[in-house]
C-alpha atoms as a PDB file:
ATOM      1  CA  UNK A   1       2.525 -18.070  38.192  1.00  0.00           C
ATOM      2  CA  UNK A   2      -0.653 -19.432  36.290  1.00  0.00           C
ATOM      3  CA  UNK A   3      -3.411 -17.863  38.572  1.00  0.00           C
ATOM      4  CA  UNK A   4      -1.445 -14.500  38.760  1.00  0.00           C
ATOM      5  CA  UNK A   5      -2.249 -14.206  35.092  1.00  0.00           C
ATOM      6  CA  UNK A   6      -5.632 -15.442  34.948  1.00  0.00           C
ATOM      7  CA  UNK A   7      -6.538 -13.070  37.505  1.00  0.00           C
ATOM      8  CA  UNK A   8      -4.876  -9.843  35.691  1.00  0.00           C
ATOM      9  CA  UNK A   9      -6.528 -11.332  32.590  1.00  0.00           C
ATOM     10  CA  UNK A  10     -10.026 -11.502  34.299  1.00  0.00           C
ATOM     11  CA  UNK A  11      -9.448  -8.263  35.776  1.00  0.00           C
ATOM     12  CA  UNK A  12      -8.797  -6.492  32.212  1.00  0.00           C
ATOM     13  CA  UNK A  13     -12.096  -8.098  31.309  1.00  0.00           C
ATOM     14  CA  UNK A  14     -13.822  -6.795  33.852  1.00  0.00           C
ATOM     15  CA  UNK A  15     -12.580  -3.197  33.115  1.00  0.00           C
ATOM     16  CA  UNK A  16     -13.385  -3.508  29.532  1.00  0.00           C
ATOM     17  CA  UNK A  17     -17.080  -4.309  30.209  1.00  0.00           C
ATOM     18  CA  UNK A  18     -17.074  -1.646  32.652  1.00  0.00           C
ATOM     19  CA  UNK A  19     -15.809   1.221  30.348  1.00  0.00           C
ATOM     20  CA  UNK A  20     -18.189  -0.535  27.279  1.00  0.00           C
ATOM     21  CA  UNK A  21     -21.332  -0.283  29.689  1.00  0.00           C
ATOM     22  CA  UNK A  22     -20.339   3.512  30.693  1.00  0.00           C
ATOM     23  CA  UNK A  23     -19.728   4.394  27.165  1.00  0.00           C
ATOM     24  CA  UNK A  24     -22.828   2.942  25.936  1.00  0.00           C
ATOM     25  CA  UNK A  25     -25.123   4.545  28.707  1.00  0.00           C
ATOM     26  CA  UNK A  26     -23.399   8.010  28.205  1.00  0.00           C
ATOM     27  CA  UNK A  27     -23.837   7.659  24.415  1.00  0.00           C
ATOM     28  CA  UNK A  28     -27.551   6.945  24.729  1.00  0.00           C
ATOM     29  CA  UNK A  29     -28.052   9.902  27.347  1.00  0.00           C
ATOM     30  CA  UNK A  30     -26.154  12.213  24.741  1.00  0.00           C
ATOM     31  CA  UNK A  31     -28.395  10.854  21.733  1.00  0.00           C
ATOM     32  CA  UNK A  32     -31.652  10.571  23.044  1.00  0.00           C
ATOM     33  CA  UNK A  33     -32.044  13.515  24.856  1.00  0.00           C
ATOM     34  CA  UNK A  34     -34.651  15.232  22.733  1.00  0.00           C
ATOM     35  CA  UNK A  35     -33.922  18.796  21.192  1.00  0.00           C
ATOM     36  CA  UNK A  36     -35.798  21.804  23.510  1.00  0.00           C
ATOM     37  CA  UNK A  37     -38.060  24.499  22.260  1.00  0.00           C
ATOM     38  CA  UNK A  38     -37.057  27.338  24.416  1.00  0.00           C
ATOM     39  CA  UNK A  39     -34.428  29.149  25.981  1.00  0.00           C
ATOM     40  CA  UNK A  40     -34.619  30.550  29.376  1.00  0.00           C
ATOM     41  CA  UNK A  41     -32.132  33.407  30.571  1.00  0.00           C
ATOM     42  CA  UNK A  42     -31.344  33.912  34.211  1.00  0.00           C
ATOM     43  CA  UNK A  43     -29.363  36.783  35.702  1.00  0.00           C
ATOM     44  CA  UNK A  44     -28.007  36.561  39.417  1.00  0.00           C
ATOM     45  CA  UNK A  45     -30.485  33.409  39.690  1.00  0.00           C
ATOM     46  CA  UNK A  46     -33.613  35.334  38.266  1.00  0.00           C
ATOM     47  CA  UNK A  47     -35.509  35.193  35.639  1.00  0.00           C
ATOM     48  CA  UNK A  48     -34.635  37.321  32.393  1.00  0.00           C
ATOM     49  CA  UNK A  49     -36.789  36.017  29.743  1.00  0.00           C
ATOM     50  CA  UNK A  50     -38.003  32.956  27.818  1.00  0.00           C
ATOM     51  CA  UNK A  51     -37.458  32.776  23.777  1.00  0.00           C
ATOM     52  CA  UNK A  52     -38.486  30.507  21.373  1.00  0.00           C
ATOM     53  CA  UNK A  53     -36.175  28.646  19.449  1.00  0.00           C
ATOM     54  CA  UNK A  54     -38.062  28.335  16.559  1.00  0.00           C
ATOM     55  CA  UNK A  55     -38.199  31.905  15.349  1.00  0.00           C
ATOM     56  CA  UNK A  56     -34.584  33.543  15.027  1.00  0.00           C
ATOM     57  CA  UNK A  57     -33.794  36.655  17.623  1.00  0.00           C
ATOM     58  CA  UNK A  58     -30.811  38.731  18.925  1.00  0.00           C
ATOM     59  CA  UNK A  59     -31.393  39.224  22.572  1.00  0.00           C
ATOM     60  CA  UNK A  60     -29.305  42.042  24.028  1.00  0.00           C
ATOM     61  CA  UNK A  61     -28.765  41.105  27.829  1.00  0.00           C
ATOM     62  CA  UNK A  62     -27.500  44.214  29.703  1.00  0.00           C
ATOM     63  CA  UNK A  63     -27.099  44.232  33.704  1.00  0.00           C
ATOM     64  CA  UNK A  64     -25.334  46.109  35.841  1.00  0.00           C
ATOM     65  CA  UNK A  65     -22.273  43.285  36.049  1.00  0.00           C
ATOM     66  CA  UNK A  66     -21.830  44.193  32.181  1.00  0.00           C
ATOM     67  CA  UNK A  67     -23.760  42.786  28.741  1.00  0.00           C
ATOM     68  CA  UNK A  68     -24.453  39.537  26.686  1.00  0.00           C
ATOM     69  CA  UNK A  69     -25.961  39.337  23.156  1.00  0.00           C
ATOM     70  CA  UNK A  70     -27.949  36.186  22.676  1.00  0.00           C
ATOM     71  CA  UNK A  71     -28.595  35.263  19.019  1.00  0.00           C
ATOM     72  CA  UNK A  72     -31.210  32.187  18.440  1.00  0.00           C
ATOM     73  CA  UNK A  73     -30.828  31.059  14.769  1.00  0.00           C
ATOM     74  CA  UNK A  74     -31.803  28.372  13.176  1.00  0.00           C
ATOM     75  CA  UNK A  75     -33.154  26.567  16.084  1.00  0.00           C
ATOM     76  CA  UNK A  76     -29.840  26.679  18.212  1.00  0.00           C
ATOM     77  CA  UNK A  77     -28.598  29.675  20.476  1.00  0.00           C
ATOM     78  CA  UNK A  78     -25.393  31.069  21.184  1.00  0.00           C
ATOM     79  CA  UNK A  79     -23.717  34.013  22.693  1.00  0.00           C
ATOM     80  CA  UNK A  80     -22.072  36.127  20.108  1.00  0.00           C
ATOM     81  CA  UNK A  81     -21.027  39.077  22.431  1.00  0.00           C
ATOM     82  CA  UNK A  82     -19.787  39.273  26.065  1.00  0.00           C
ATOM     83  CA  UNK A  83     -18.479  41.970  27.861  1.00  0.00           C
ATOM     84  CA  UNK A  84     -16.742  39.798  30.585  1.00  0.00           C
ATOM     85  CA  UNK A  85     -12.682  39.501  30.133  1.00  0.00           C
ATOM     86  CA  UNK A  86     -12.677  35.442  29.191  1.00  0.00           C
ATOM     87  CA  UNK A  87     -15.026  35.453  26.850  1.00  0.00           C
ATOM     88  CA  UNK A  88     -15.877  31.741  27.135  1.00  0.00           C
ATOM     89  CA  UNK A  89     -19.082  32.369  27.200  1.00  0.00           C
ATOM     90  CA  UNK A  90     -18.910  33.588  23.588  1.00  0.00           C
ATOM     91  CA  UNK A  91     -16.561  30.634  22.506  1.00  0.00           C
ATOM     92  CA  UNK A  92     -19.371  28.238  23.673  1.00  0.00           C
ATOM     93  CA  UNK A  93     -20.558  26.238  21.081  1.00  0.00           C
ATOM     94  CA  UNK A  94     -24.355  26.636  19.718  1.00  0.00           C
ATOM     95  CA  UNK A  95     -26.851  24.641  22.332  1.00  0.00           C
ATOM     96  CA  UNK A  96     -30.228  23.237  21.172  1.00  0.00           C
ATOM     97  CA  UNK A  97     -30.637  20.169  22.992  1.00  0.00           C
ATOM     98  CA  UNK A  98     -33.010  20.137  26.248  1.00  0.00           C
ATOM     99  CA  UNK A  99     -30.646  20.924  29.322  1.00  0.00           C
ATOM    100  CA  UNK A 100     -27.728  22.381  27.613  1.00  0.00           C
ATOM    101  CA  UNK A 101     -26.375  25.519  29.087  1.00  0.00           C
ATOM    102  CA  UNK A 102     -24.010  28.438  28.241  1.00  0.00           C
ATOM    103  CA  UNK A 103     -22.732  30.260  31.267  1.00  0.00           C
ATOM    104  CA  UNK A 104     -20.907  33.570  31.970  1.00  0.00           C
ATOM    105  CA  UNK A 105     -19.981  33.835  35.384  1.00  0.00           C
ATOM    106  CA  UNK A 106     -18.849  37.056  35.208  1.00  0.00           C
ATOM    107  CA  UNK A 107     -21.934  38.637  34.508  1.00  0.00           C
ATOM    108  CA  UNK A 108     -23.858  35.898  36.021  1.00  0.00           C
ATOM    109  CA  UNK A 109     -25.990  34.910  33.126  1.00  0.00           C
ATOM    110  CA  UNK A 110     -27.266  31.630  32.355  1.00  0.00           C
ATOM    111  CA  UNK A 111     -28.678  30.594  28.901  1.00  0.00           C
ATOM    112  CA  UNK A 112     -30.371  27.406  29.198  1.00  0.00           C
ATOM    113  CA  UNK A 113     -32.116  25.129  26.494  1.00  0.00           C
ATOM    114  CA  UNK A 114     -35.686  23.996  27.914  1.00  0.00           C
ATOM    115  CA  UNK A 115     -38.414  21.690  26.374  1.00  0.00           C
ATOM    116  CA  UNK A 116     -42.019  22.774  27.032  1.00  0.00           C
ATOM    117  CA  UNK A 117     -43.617  19.712  25.399  1.00  0.00           C
ATOM    118  CA  UNK A 118     -45.729  17.940  27.740  1.00  0.00           C
ATOM    119  CA  UNK A 119     -43.790  15.191  29.894  1.00  0.00           C
ATOM    120  CA  UNK A 120     -44.815  12.004  27.689  1.00  0.00           C
ATOM    121  CA  UNK A 121     -41.777  11.373  25.742  1.00  0.00           C
ATOM    122  CA  UNK A 122     -41.933   9.272  22.478  1.00  0.00           C
ATOM    123  CA  UNK A 123     -38.029   8.789  23.770  1.00  0.00           C
ATOM    124  CA  UNK A 124     -37.351   5.310  25.445  1.00  0.00           C
ATOM    125  CA  UNK A 125     -36.271   5.852  28.932  1.00  0.00           C
ATOM    126  CA  UNK A 126     -32.455   5.068  29.465  1.00  0.00           C
ATOM    127  CA  UNK A 127     -32.535   5.246  33.149  1.00  0.00           C
ATOM    128  CA  UNK A 128     -35.088   2.476  33.865  1.00  0.00           C
END
């Protein structure tokens, strides 16, 4: 009976340590990922345009499937209006970090933040 309690305690300790490591890695990935400086828009997988996050703009995206209005303000991008029935893309929070995306499936529009800086980064490498 005493051995079973010890095994249970060790199992709980192992799970707690694994959760702490995974949480720390996830937080490091989120917070160390740099901010992007451009927004790439694709429609149906084809390039539509690339826009600077450093310049406020209102970009109408009109396709045969519908329309979206992309707004770039204060270094962030968001979809202000969308003709799609669910409007999930318009409810998405503004994006600014490298790799973040807003997707409008019905209109097949994808907005992705990219960094056009050199591949050398001052941020630590969290993978290796």
